[in-house]
């Protein structure tokens, strides 16, 4: 029986940093195969899509893939979990992700991009919010994602060249005094422009 191993591998340089740097979420659309172009293990072209960037600062952000054989043949199970620090007024939007099929691109701390659920989408398995119990406790969301595909998750060399448009987060503009300090209401809330 032939194992299929045709070459060896040397130990790479010790510049492997684990974890995720950013995650990009977008509305999943079930495109036809001819609309998505690949070259080996790279995604080359994808229909123009707006994506939303979430910076990940915690250490509990992971992305993993495992290969399995079942009655449908070989498949790749893709899983990601990430932490969004801080509970803000966007909690309703985040909780509405549960059991939705979305598109996801993960960016590792080494700057590599992988797309999850390219043809079948990604399911949001859990959204857990926590306010913490003390000053130093975690306050934010733990979110788990999963996808199942016939092929391994593809790499993306350049998001914009592939067809993804990064939508900048909306930053509120506040009124400032002449000295550069925020103009505040009586309750110390900043006044929006």
N, C-alpha and C. Protein backbone atom coordinates (compact mmCIF):
# COMPACT_ATOMS: atom_id res chain seq x y z
N UNK A 1 0.83 -1.18 0.00
CA UNK A 1 0.00 0.00 0.00
C UNK A 1 0.87 1.24 0.00
N UNK A 2 0.61 2.17 -0.90
CA UNK A 2 1.39 3.39 -1.02
C UNK A 2 0.77 4.47 -0.12
N UNK A 3 1.62 5.13 0.67
CA UNK A 3 1.14 6.14 1.62
C UNK A 3 0.87 7.49 0.97
N UNK A 4 1.48 7.76 -0.18
CA UNK A 4 1.26 9.05 -0.82
C UNK A 4 2.19 10.13 -0.33
N UNK A 5 3.25 9.77 0.38
CA UNK A 5 4.22 10.75 0.86
C UNK A 5 5.34 10.80 -0.16
N UNK A 6 5.56 11.95 -0.78
CA UNK A 6 6.53 12.06 -1.85
C UNK A 6 7.69 12.98 -1.57
N UNK A 7 7.69 13.66 -0.43
CA UNK A 7 8.80 14.54 -0.10
C UNK A 7 8.84 14.78 1.40
N UNK A 8 9.98 15.17 1.89
CA UNK A 8 10.15 15.46 3.32
C UNK A 8 9.96 16.93 3.59
N UNK A 9 10.28 17.30 4.81
CA UNK A 9 10.13 18.69 5.21
C UNK A 9 11.16 19.01 6.26
N UNK A 10 11.84 20.13 6.13
CA UNK A 10 12.78 20.56 7.16
C UNK A 10 12.02 21.40 8.18
N UNK A 11 12.58 21.54 9.34
CA UNK A 11 11.96 22.35 10.38
C UNK A 11 12.04 23.81 9.97
N UNK A 12 10.89 24.52 9.90
CA UNK A 12 10.92 25.92 9.47
C UNK A 12 11.53 26.82 10.53
N UNK A 13 11.86 28.05 10.12
CA UNK A 13 12.39 29.02 11.07
C UNK A 13 11.37 29.22 12.20
N UNK A 14 11.86 29.64 13.33
CA UNK A 14 10.99 29.79 14.49
C UNK A 14 10.31 31.16 14.48
N UNK A 15 9.55 31.43 13.40
CA UNK A 15 8.83 32.69 13.32
C UNK A 15 7.33 32.45 13.23
N UNK A 16 6.88 31.32 13.76
CA UNK A 16 5.46 30.99 13.74
C UNK A 16 4.79 31.55 14.99
N UNK A 17 3.95 32.53 14.80
CA UNK A 17 3.21 33.14 15.90
C UNK A 17 1.77 32.69 15.74
N UNK A 18 1.22 32.08 16.75
CA UNK A 18 -0.15 31.60 16.68
C UNK A 18 -1.17 32.69 16.91
N UNK A 19 -2.41 32.36 16.59
CA UNK A 19 -3.52 33.27 16.85
C UNK A 19 -3.96 34.07 15.64
N UNK A 20 -5.06 34.77 15.82
CA UNK A 20 -5.65 35.58 14.77
C UNK A 20 -5.48 37.05 15.08
N UNK A 21 -5.23 37.83 14.04
CA UNK A 21 -5.06 39.27 14.17
C UNK A 21 -6.37 40.00 13.89
N UNK A 22 -7.07 39.59 12.83
CA UNK A 22 -8.34 40.20 12.43
C UNK A 22 -9.26 39.13 11.90
N UNK A 23 -10.54 39.42 11.96
CA UNK A 23 -11.54 38.57 11.32
C UNK A 23 -12.45 39.48 10.51
N UNK A 24 -12.82 39.04 9.33
CA UNK A 24 -13.65 39.82 8.43
C UNK A 24 -14.96 39.06 8.21
N UNK A 25 -16.08 39.71 8.47
CA UNK A 25 -17.39 39.09 8.31
C UNK A 25 -18.12 39.76 7.16
N UNK A 26 -18.92 38.94 6.44
CA UNK A 26 -19.70 39.49 5.34
C UNK A 26 -20.92 38.63 5.11
N UNK A 27 -21.86 39.16 4.36
CA UNK A 27 -23.08 38.43 4.03
C UNK A 27 -22.74 37.32 3.05
N UNK A 28 -23.11 36.10 3.39
CA UNK A 28 -22.82 34.97 2.50
C UNK A 28 -23.81 34.93 1.36
N UNK A 29 -23.28 34.76 0.15
CA UNK A 29 -24.09 34.58 -1.05
C UNK A 29 -23.64 33.28 -1.69
N UNK A 30 -24.57 32.44 -2.05
CA UNK A 30 -24.24 31.15 -2.64
C UNK A 30 -23.96 31.34 -4.14
N UNK A 31 -22.74 31.75 -4.46
CA UNK A 31 -22.36 32.00 -5.85
C UNK A 31 -22.15 30.69 -6.60
N UNK A 32 -22.31 30.74 -7.90
CA UNK A 32 -22.03 29.59 -8.77
C UNK A 32 -20.52 29.38 -8.83
N UNK A 33 -20.12 28.14 -9.11
CA UNK A 33 -18.68 27.82 -9.16
C UNK A 33 -17.93 28.65 -10.17
N UNK A 34 -18.53 28.97 -11.32
CA UNK A 34 -17.82 29.73 -12.35
C UNK A 34 -17.58 31.18 -11.93
N UNK A 35 -18.28 31.67 -10.90
CA UNK A 35 -18.10 33.04 -10.43
C UNK A 35 -16.91 33.17 -9.47
N UNK A 36 -16.40 32.04 -9.00
CA UNK A 36 -15.29 32.02 -8.04
C UNK A 36 -14.11 31.34 -8.72
N UNK A 37 -12.97 32.05 -8.79
CA UNK A 37 -11.80 31.49 -9.45
C UNK A 37 -10.73 31.16 -8.43
N UNK A 38 -10.17 29.96 -8.58
CA UNK A 38 -9.11 29.51 -7.70
C UNK A 38 -7.90 29.09 -8.52
N UNK A 39 -6.76 29.05 -7.88
CA UNK A 39 -5.53 28.56 -8.50
C UNK A 39 -4.79 27.76 -7.44
N UNK A 40 -4.94 26.44 -7.49
CA UNK A 40 -4.34 25.59 -6.46
C UNK A 40 -5.01 25.84 -5.13
N UNK A 41 -4.23 26.28 -4.14
CA UNK A 41 -4.78 26.54 -2.81
C UNK A 41 -5.05 28.02 -2.57
N UNK A 42 -5.12 28.82 -3.66
CA UNK A 42 -5.37 30.26 -3.54
C UNK A 42 -6.70 30.64 -4.17
N UNK A 43 -7.41 31.54 -3.50
CA UNK A 43 -8.60 32.17 -4.07
C UNK A 43 -8.11 33.36 -4.89
N UNK A 44 -8.41 33.36 -6.19
CA UNK A 44 -7.89 34.39 -7.09
C UNK A 44 -8.92 35.48 -7.34
N UNK A 45 -10.20 35.09 -7.50
CA UNK A 45 -11.23 36.07 -7.81
C UNK A 45 -12.54 35.67 -7.15
N UNK A 46 -13.22 36.67 -6.59
CA UNK A 46 -14.50 36.48 -5.91
C UNK A 46 -15.37 37.67 -6.31
N UNK A 47 -16.67 37.47 -6.50
CA UNK A 47 -17.52 38.62 -6.85
C UNK A 47 -17.39 39.75 -5.82
N UNK A 48 -17.47 40.98 -6.29
CA UNK A 48 -17.28 42.14 -5.43
C UNK A 48 -18.16 42.05 -4.19
N UNK A 49 -17.53 42.11 -3.02
CA UNK A 49 -18.23 41.91 -1.75
C UNK A 49 -17.69 42.88 -0.70
N UNK A 50 -18.59 43.53 0.04
CA UNK A 50 -18.21 44.37 1.17
C UNK A 50 -17.97 43.49 2.38
N UNK A 51 -16.83 43.68 3.05
CA UNK A 51 -16.50 42.92 4.26
C UNK A 51 -16.26 43.89 5.41
N UNK A 52 -16.49 43.41 6.63
CA UNK A 52 -16.37 44.24 7.83
C UNK A 52 -15.28 43.67 8.72
N UNK A 53 -14.31 44.52 9.04
CA UNK A 53 -13.13 44.11 9.80
C UNK A 53 -13.37 44.24 11.30
N UNK A 54 -13.01 43.18 12.03
CA UNK A 54 -13.05 43.18 13.49
C UNK A 54 -11.64 42.90 13.98
N UNK A 55 -11.06 43.86 14.71
CA UNK A 55 -9.73 43.67 15.27
C UNK A 55 -9.83 42.75 16.47
N UNK A 56 -8.89 41.83 16.57
CA UNK A 56 -8.88 40.86 17.67
C UNK A 56 -7.64 41.10 18.51
N UNK A 57 -7.82 41.46 19.75
CA UNK A 57 -6.69 41.78 20.63
C UNK A 57 -6.41 40.70 21.65
N UNK A 58 -7.35 39.82 21.90
CA UNK A 58 -7.17 38.79 22.93
C UNK A 58 -6.35 37.62 22.38
N UNK A 59 -5.92 36.73 23.26
CA UNK A 59 -5.12 35.57 22.86
C UNK A 59 -5.96 34.34 22.58
N UNK A 60 -7.25 34.38 22.77
CA UNK A 60 -8.09 33.19 22.63
C UNK A 60 -8.71 33.06 21.24
N UNK A 61 -8.11 33.67 20.23
CA UNK A 61 -8.65 33.65 18.88
C UNK A 61 -7.97 32.55 18.07
N UNK A 62 -8.76 31.59 17.59
CA UNK A 62 -8.18 30.43 16.92
C UNK A 62 -8.92 30.10 15.62
N UNK A 63 -8.20 29.41 14.73
CA UNK A 63 -8.76 28.89 13.49
C UNK A 63 -8.13 27.52 13.27
N UNK A 64 -8.97 26.51 13.03
CA UNK A 64 -8.44 25.16 12.83
C UNK A 64 -9.23 24.45 11.73
N UNK A 65 -8.57 23.47 11.12
CA UNK A 65 -9.17 22.66 10.07
C UNK A 65 -8.80 21.21 10.31
N UNK A 66 -9.78 20.32 10.18
CA UNK A 66 -9.47 18.89 10.24
C UNK A 66 -10.16 18.20 9.08
N UNK A 67 -9.52 17.15 8.59
CA UNK A 67 -10.04 16.38 7.46
C UNK A 67 -10.74 15.15 8.01
N UNK A 68 -11.91 14.83 7.44
CA UNK A 68 -12.63 13.63 7.88
C UNK A 68 -13.20 12.92 6.66
N UNK A 69 -13.44 11.62 6.82
CA UNK A 69 -14.10 10.81 5.82
C UNK A 69 -15.41 10.31 6.40
N UNK A 70 -16.49 10.49 5.66
CA UNK A 70 -17.79 9.97 6.09
C UNK A 70 -18.53 9.46 4.85
N UNK A 71 -19.83 9.23 4.97
CA UNK A 71 -20.59 8.69 3.85
C UNK A 71 -20.62 9.63 2.65
N UNK A 72 -20.38 10.93 2.85
CA UNK A 72 -20.35 11.89 1.75
C UNK A 72 -18.97 11.99 1.11
N UNK A 73 -17.98 11.28 1.63
CA UNK A 73 -16.61 11.36 1.13
C UNK A 73 -15.75 12.21 2.05
N UNK A 74 -14.66 12.70 1.51
CA UNK A 74 -13.73 13.51 2.29
C UNK A 74 -14.26 14.93 2.44
N UNK A 75 -14.14 15.49 3.63
CA UNK A 75 -14.57 16.87 3.86
C UNK A 75 -13.63 17.54 4.86
N UNK A 76 -13.64 18.85 4.82
CA UNK A 76 -12.80 19.66 5.71
C UNK A 76 -13.71 20.41 6.68
N UNK A 77 -13.54 20.12 7.96
CA UNK A 77 -14.28 20.81 9.01
C UNK A 77 -13.45 22.01 9.46
N UNK A 78 -14.00 23.19 9.31
CA UNK A 78 -13.30 24.42 9.64
C UNK A 78 -13.96 25.04 10.86
N UNK A 79 -13.15 25.38 11.86
CA UNK A 79 -13.68 25.97 13.09
C UNK A 79 -12.87 27.19 13.48
N UNK A 80 -13.55 28.19 13.97
CA UNK A 80 -12.89 29.39 14.47
C UNK A 80 -13.61 29.85 15.72
N UNK A 81 -12.87 30.39 16.63
CA UNK A 81 -13.47 31.04 17.79
C UNK A 81 -12.70 32.34 18.01
N UNK A 82 -13.44 33.38 18.35
CA UNK A 82 -12.78 34.65 18.57
C UNK A 82 -13.47 35.41 19.67
N UNK A 83 -12.72 36.38 20.20
CA UNK A 83 -13.15 37.16 21.34
C UNK A 83 -13.23 38.62 20.92
N UNK A 84 -14.39 39.24 21.13
CA UNK A 84 -14.55 40.67 20.92
C UNK A 84 -14.62 41.34 22.28
N UNK A 85 -13.62 42.14 22.58
CA UNK A 85 -13.58 42.80 23.89
C UNK A 85 -14.59 43.93 23.95
N UNK A 86 -15.17 44.08 25.12
CA UNK A 86 -16.07 45.20 25.39
C UNK A 86 -17.51 44.92 25.01
N UNK A 87 -18.42 45.17 25.94
CA UNK A 87 -19.85 45.12 25.65
C UNK A 87 -20.29 46.53 25.35
N UNK A 88 -20.80 46.73 24.14
CA UNK A 88 -21.24 48.06 23.75
C UNK A 88 -22.66 47.97 23.24
N UNK A 89 -23.12 49.04 22.63
CA UNK A 89 -24.49 49.07 22.14
C UNK A 89 -24.68 48.23 20.88
N UNK A 90 -23.64 47.54 20.39
CA UNK A 90 -23.77 46.67 19.22
C UNK A 90 -24.07 45.22 19.63
N UNK A 91 -24.41 44.98 20.90
CA UNK A 91 -24.65 43.62 21.37
C UNK A 91 -25.84 42.97 20.68
N UNK A 92 -26.86 43.75 20.33
CA UNK A 92 -28.04 43.18 19.66
C UNK A 92 -27.63 42.65 18.29
N UNK A 93 -26.84 43.43 17.56
CA UNK A 93 -26.37 43.00 16.24
C UNK A 93 -25.51 41.74 16.35
N UNK A 94 -24.66 41.67 17.34
CA UNK A 94 -23.79 40.50 17.52
C UNK A 94 -24.63 39.28 17.90
N UNK A 95 -25.59 39.43 18.80
CA UNK A 95 -26.44 38.30 19.19
C UNK A 95 -27.29 37.80 18.02
N UNK A 96 -27.64 38.67 17.08
CA UNK A 96 -28.42 38.25 15.92
C UNK A 96 -27.65 37.39 14.94
N UNK A 97 -26.34 37.25 15.13
CA UNK A 97 -25.53 36.39 14.27
C UNK A 97 -25.79 34.91 14.53
N UNK A 98 -26.30 34.57 15.70
CA UNK A 98 -26.46 33.17 16.09
C UNK A 98 -27.28 32.39 15.07
N UNK A 99 -26.74 31.24 14.66
CA UNK A 99 -27.34 30.32 13.69
C UNK A 99 -27.51 30.91 12.30
N UNK A 100 -26.86 32.01 12.01
CA UNK A 100 -26.89 32.61 10.67
C UNK A 100 -25.75 32.01 9.85
N UNK A 101 -25.93 32.02 8.53
CA UNK A 101 -24.89 31.61 7.61
C UNK A 101 -24.23 32.88 7.09
N UNK A 102 -22.96 33.03 7.37
CA UNK A 102 -22.22 34.22 6.99
C UNK A 102 -20.96 33.82 6.24
N UNK A 103 -20.27 34.80 5.69
CA UNK A 103 -18.95 34.59 5.10
C UNK A 103 -17.90 35.08 6.06
N UNK A 104 -16.75 34.40 6.10
CA UNK A 104 -15.70 34.74 7.07
C UNK A 104 -14.32 34.62 6.42
N UNK A 105 -13.50 35.62 6.66
CA UNK A 105 -12.08 35.57 6.31
C UNK A 105 -11.32 35.78 7.60
N UNK A 106 -10.34 34.92 7.87
CA UNK A 106 -9.50 35.09 9.05
C UNK A 106 -8.11 35.55 8.61
N UNK A 107 -7.53 36.44 9.40
CA UNK A 107 -6.16 36.90 9.16
C UNK A 107 -5.32 36.51 10.36
N UNK A 108 -4.28 35.71 10.11
CA UNK A 108 -3.42 35.27 11.21
C UNK A 108 -2.47 36.39 11.61
N UNK A 109 -1.81 36.20 12.73
CA UNK A 109 -0.84 37.20 13.18
C UNK A 109 0.37 37.29 12.26
N UNK A 110 0.54 36.30 11.38
CA UNK A 110 1.62 36.33 10.39
C UNK A 110 1.19 37.04 9.11
N UNK A 111 -0.08 37.50 9.04
CA UNK A 111 -0.56 38.22 7.88
C UNK A 111 -1.13 37.35 6.78
N UNK A 112 -1.40 36.07 7.05
CA UNK A 112 -2.00 35.18 6.06
C UNK A 112 -3.51 35.25 6.15
N UNK A 113 -4.18 35.26 5.00
CA UNK A 113 -5.64 35.30 4.93
C UNK A 113 -6.17 33.95 4.48
N UNK A 114 -7.19 33.44 5.16
CA UNK A 114 -7.91 32.22 4.76
C UNK A 114 -9.39 32.51 4.73
N UNK A 115 -10.08 31.96 3.73
CA UNK A 115 -11.53 32.12 3.67
C UNK A 115 -12.16 30.84 4.18
N UNK A 116 -13.12 30.98 5.07
CA UNK A 116 -13.86 29.85 5.62
C UNK A 116 -15.17 29.68 4.86
N UNK A 117 -15.61 28.45 4.67
CA UNK A 117 -16.92 28.19 4.11
C UNK A 117 -17.15 28.82 2.75
N UNK A 118 -16.17 28.70 1.86
CA UNK A 118 -16.23 29.37 0.56
C UNK A 118 -17.51 29.05 -0.21
N UNK A 119 -17.91 27.79 -0.27
CA UNK A 119 -19.08 27.40 -1.06
C UNK A 119 -20.33 27.15 -0.22
N UNK A 120 -20.18 26.82 1.06
CA UNK A 120 -21.33 26.47 1.89
C UNK A 120 -21.64 27.49 2.99
N UNK A 121 -20.78 28.46 3.17
CA UNK A 121 -20.98 29.45 4.22
C UNK A 121 -20.51 28.96 5.58
N UNK A 122 -20.57 29.84 6.54
CA UNK A 122 -20.12 29.57 7.90
C UNK A 122 -21.30 29.76 8.83
N UNK A 123 -21.48 28.82 9.77
CA UNK A 123 -22.56 28.91 10.74
C UNK A 123 -22.01 29.43 12.06
N UNK A 124 -22.71 30.41 12.64
CA UNK A 124 -22.35 30.92 13.96
C UNK A 124 -22.94 29.96 14.98
N UNK A 125 -22.08 29.21 15.67
CA UNK A 125 -22.53 28.17 16.60
C UNK A 125 -22.90 28.72 17.98
N UNK A 126 -22.14 29.69 18.46
CA UNK A 126 -22.47 30.24 19.78
C UNK A 126 -21.99 31.68 19.90
N UNK A 127 -22.75 32.45 20.66
CA UNK A 127 -22.41 33.83 21.00
C UNK A 127 -22.61 33.95 22.50
N UNK A 128 -21.52 34.16 23.23
CA UNK A 128 -21.60 34.25 24.69
C UNK A 128 -21.07 35.60 25.14
N UNK A 129 -21.93 36.38 25.75
CA UNK A 129 -21.55 37.67 26.30
C UNK A 129 -21.25 37.55 27.78
N UNK A 130 -20.26 38.30 28.24
CA UNK A 130 -19.90 38.26 29.65
C UNK A 130 -19.55 39.66 30.12
N UNK A 131 -20.08 40.03 31.29
CA UNK A 131 -19.77 41.34 31.84
C UNK A 131 -18.64 41.27 32.85
N UNK A 132 -18.24 40.07 33.23
CA UNK A 132 -17.19 39.92 34.22
C UNK A 132 -17.69 40.23 35.62
N UNK A 133 -16.90 39.84 36.62
CA UNK A 133 -17.30 40.07 38.00
C UNK A 133 -16.42 41.05 38.73
N UNK A 134 -15.25 41.33 38.17
CA UNK A 134 -14.32 42.26 38.81
C UNK A 134 -13.72 43.18 37.77
N UNK A 135 -12.94 44.14 38.23
CA UNK A 135 -12.35 45.13 37.33
C UNK A 135 -11.45 44.52 36.28
N UNK A 136 -10.73 43.48 36.61
CA UNK A 136 -9.78 42.88 35.67
C UNK A 136 -10.39 41.73 34.87
N UNK A 137 -11.67 41.41 35.09
CA UNK A 137 -12.31 40.31 34.38
C UNK A 137 -12.64 40.68 32.94
N UNK A 138 -12.75 39.63 32.13
CA UNK A 138 -13.09 39.83 30.72
C UNK A 138 -14.51 40.36 30.59
N UNK A 139 -14.68 41.33 29.71
CA UNK A 139 -15.98 41.91 29.40
C UNK A 139 -16.09 41.96 27.89
N UNK A 140 -16.98 41.14 27.32
CA UNK A 140 -17.12 41.10 25.86
C UNK A 140 -17.83 39.85 25.40
N UNK A 141 -17.53 39.41 24.18
CA UNK A 141 -18.20 38.28 23.55
C UNK A 141 -17.20 37.21 23.16
N UNK A 142 -17.59 35.95 23.35
CA UNK A 142 -16.89 34.79 22.80
C UNK A 142 -17.79 34.22 21.71
N UNK A 143 -17.28 34.13 20.49
CA UNK A 143 -18.08 33.69 19.34
C UNK A 143 -17.41 32.49 18.69
N UNK A 144 -18.20 31.44 18.42
CA UNK A 144 -17.69 30.22 17.78
C UNK A 144 -18.34 30.04 16.42
N UNK A 145 -17.52 29.68 15.44
CA UNK A 145 -17.97 29.49 14.06
C UNK A 145 -17.59 28.10 13.56
N UNK A 146 -18.37 27.56 12.62
CA UNK A 146 -17.99 26.29 12.00
C UNK A 146 -18.46 26.26 10.56
N UNK A 147 -17.72 25.52 9.74
CA UNK A 147 -18.04 25.35 8.33
C UNK A 147 -17.59 23.96 7.90
N UNK A 148 -18.23 23.44 6.86
CA UNK A 148 -17.85 22.14 6.30
C UNK A 148 -17.78 22.30 4.80
N UNK A 149 -16.64 21.97 4.22
CA UNK A 149 -16.40 22.14 2.80
C UNK A 149 -15.77 20.87 2.21
N UNK A 150 -15.89 20.73 0.91
CA UNK A 150 -15.25 19.61 0.20
C UNK A 150 -13.76 19.85 0.01
N UNK A 151 -13.33 21.10 0.06
CA UNK A 151 -11.93 21.45 -0.15
C UNK A 151 -11.39 22.19 1.06
N UNK A 152 -10.06 22.22 1.15
CA UNK A 152 -9.42 22.92 2.25
C UNK A 152 -9.69 24.42 2.16
N UNK A 153 -9.57 25.15 3.28
CA UNK A 153 -9.76 26.61 3.22
C UNK A 153 -8.67 27.24 2.36
N UNK A 154 -9.07 28.09 1.45
CA UNK A 154 -8.13 28.68 0.51
C UNK A 154 -7.46 29.91 1.09
N UNK A 155 -6.24 30.17 0.61
CA UNK A 155 -5.49 31.37 0.98
C UNK A 155 -5.90 32.51 0.05
N UNK A 156 -5.79 33.74 0.55
CA UNK A 156 -6.03 34.94 -0.24
C UNK A 156 -4.77 35.78 -0.14
N UNK A 157 -4.19 36.13 -1.29
CA UNK A 157 -2.97 36.95 -1.28
C UNK A 157 -3.27 38.41 -0.99
N UNK A 158 -4.29 38.97 -1.64
CA UNK A 158 -4.65 40.37 -1.46
C UNK A 158 -6.17 40.49 -1.48
N UNK A 159 -6.75 41.02 -0.42
CA UNK A 159 -8.20 41.09 -0.31
C UNK A 159 -8.83 41.93 -1.42
N UNK A 160 -8.28 43.13 -1.67
CA UNK A 160 -8.88 44.01 -2.67
C UNK A 160 -8.75 43.44 -4.08
N UNK A 161 -7.59 42.88 -4.43
CA UNK A 161 -7.40 42.31 -5.76
C UNK A 161 -8.32 41.12 -6.01
N UNK A 162 -8.69 40.41 -4.96
CA UNK A 162 -9.55 39.24 -5.09
C UNK A 162 -11.01 39.64 -5.26
N UNK A 163 -11.41 40.82 -4.80
CA UNK A 163 -12.79 41.28 -4.95
C UNK A 163 -13.45 41.72 -3.67
N UNK A 164 -12.69 41.78 -2.56
CA UNK A 164 -13.26 42.17 -1.28
C UNK A 164 -12.99 43.64 -1.00
N UNK A 165 -14.02 44.36 -0.56
CA UNK A 165 -13.92 45.78 -0.22
C UNK A 165 -14.09 45.92 1.28
N UNK A 166 -13.05 46.38 1.95
CA UNK A 166 -13.11 46.54 3.41
C UNK A 166 -13.87 47.83 3.72
N UNK A 167 -14.98 47.68 4.44
CA UNK A 167 -15.79 48.83 4.83
C UNK A 167 -15.25 49.34 6.15
N UNK A 168 -14.88 50.61 6.17
CA UNK A 168 -14.33 51.22 7.38
C UNK A 168 -15.42 51.33 8.44
N UNK A 169 -15.08 51.08 9.71
CA UNK A 169 -16.08 51.24 10.76
C UNK A 169 -16.51 52.69 10.88
N UNK A 170 -17.75 52.87 11.25
CA UNK A 170 -18.29 54.23 11.41
C UNK A 170 -17.77 54.80 12.72
N UNK A 171 -17.03 55.88 12.59
CA UNK A 171 -16.48 56.56 13.76
C UNK A 171 -17.29 57.83 13.97
N UNK A 172 -17.89 57.96 15.14
CA UNK A 172 -18.70 59.16 15.36
C UNK A 172 -17.81 60.41 15.45
N UNK A 173 -18.32 61.51 14.93
CA UNK A 173 -17.62 62.79 15.03
C UNK A 173 -18.26 63.59 16.15
N UNK A 174 -17.42 64.14 17.03
CA UNK A 174 -17.91 64.88 18.18
C UNK A 174 -17.54 66.35 18.04
N UNK A 175 -18.35 67.20 18.64
CA UNK A 175 -18.04 68.63 18.68
C UNK A 175 -16.89 68.87 19.64
N UNK A 176 -15.96 69.72 19.21
CA UNK A 176 -14.80 70.04 20.04
C UNK A 176 -14.82 71.51 20.42
N UNK A 177 -14.24 71.82 21.57
CA UNK A 177 -14.05 73.21 21.98
C UNK A 177 -12.82 73.75 21.25
N UNK A 178 -12.58 75.04 21.38
CA UNK A 178 -11.42 75.65 20.72
C UNK A 178 -10.11 75.06 21.21
N UNK A 179 -10.07 74.61 22.47
CA UNK A 179 -8.85 74.05 23.02
C UNK A 179 -8.65 72.57 22.66
N UNK A 180 -9.59 71.98 21.87
CA UNK A 180 -9.46 70.59 21.43
C UNK A 180 -10.15 69.59 22.32
N UNK A 181 -10.69 70.01 23.46
CA UNK A 181 -11.41 69.11 24.35
C UNK A 181 -12.83 68.90 23.84
N UNK A 182 -13.41 67.75 24.21
CA UNK A 182 -14.78 67.45 23.80
C UNK A 182 -15.76 68.42 24.44
N UNK A 183 -16.78 68.81 23.68
CA UNK A 183 -17.88 69.61 24.20
C UNK A 183 -18.87 68.62 24.82
N UNK A 184 -19.13 68.76 26.13
CA UNK A 184 -19.93 67.79 26.86
C UNK A 184 -21.29 68.34 27.23
N UNK A 185 -22.27 67.44 27.34
CA UNK A 185 -23.58 67.80 27.87
C UNK A 185 -23.50 67.86 29.39
N UNK A 186 -24.60 68.22 30.04
CA UNK A 186 -24.61 68.31 31.50
C UNK A 186 -24.36 66.95 32.16
N UNK A 187 -24.73 65.86 31.47
CA UNK A 187 -24.52 64.51 32.03
C UNK A 187 -23.14 63.95 31.63
N UNK A 188 -22.26 64.78 31.11
CA UNK A 188 -20.91 64.42 30.68
C UNK A 188 -20.85 63.53 29.45
N UNK A 189 -21.93 63.41 28.69
CA UNK A 189 -21.90 62.69 27.41
C UNK A 189 -21.36 63.64 26.34
N UNK A 190 -20.60 63.07 25.40
CA UNK A 190 -20.07 63.88 24.30
C UNK A 190 -21.20 64.23 23.34
N UNK A 191 -21.11 65.40 22.71
CA UNK A 191 -22.12 65.86 21.77
C UNK A 191 -21.68 65.46 20.36
N UNK A 192 -22.55 64.72 19.69
CA UNK A 192 -22.26 64.27 18.32
C UNK A 192 -22.43 65.42 17.34
N UNK A 193 -21.65 65.42 16.31
CA UNK A 193 -21.73 66.43 15.25
C UNK A 193 -22.87 66.11 14.31
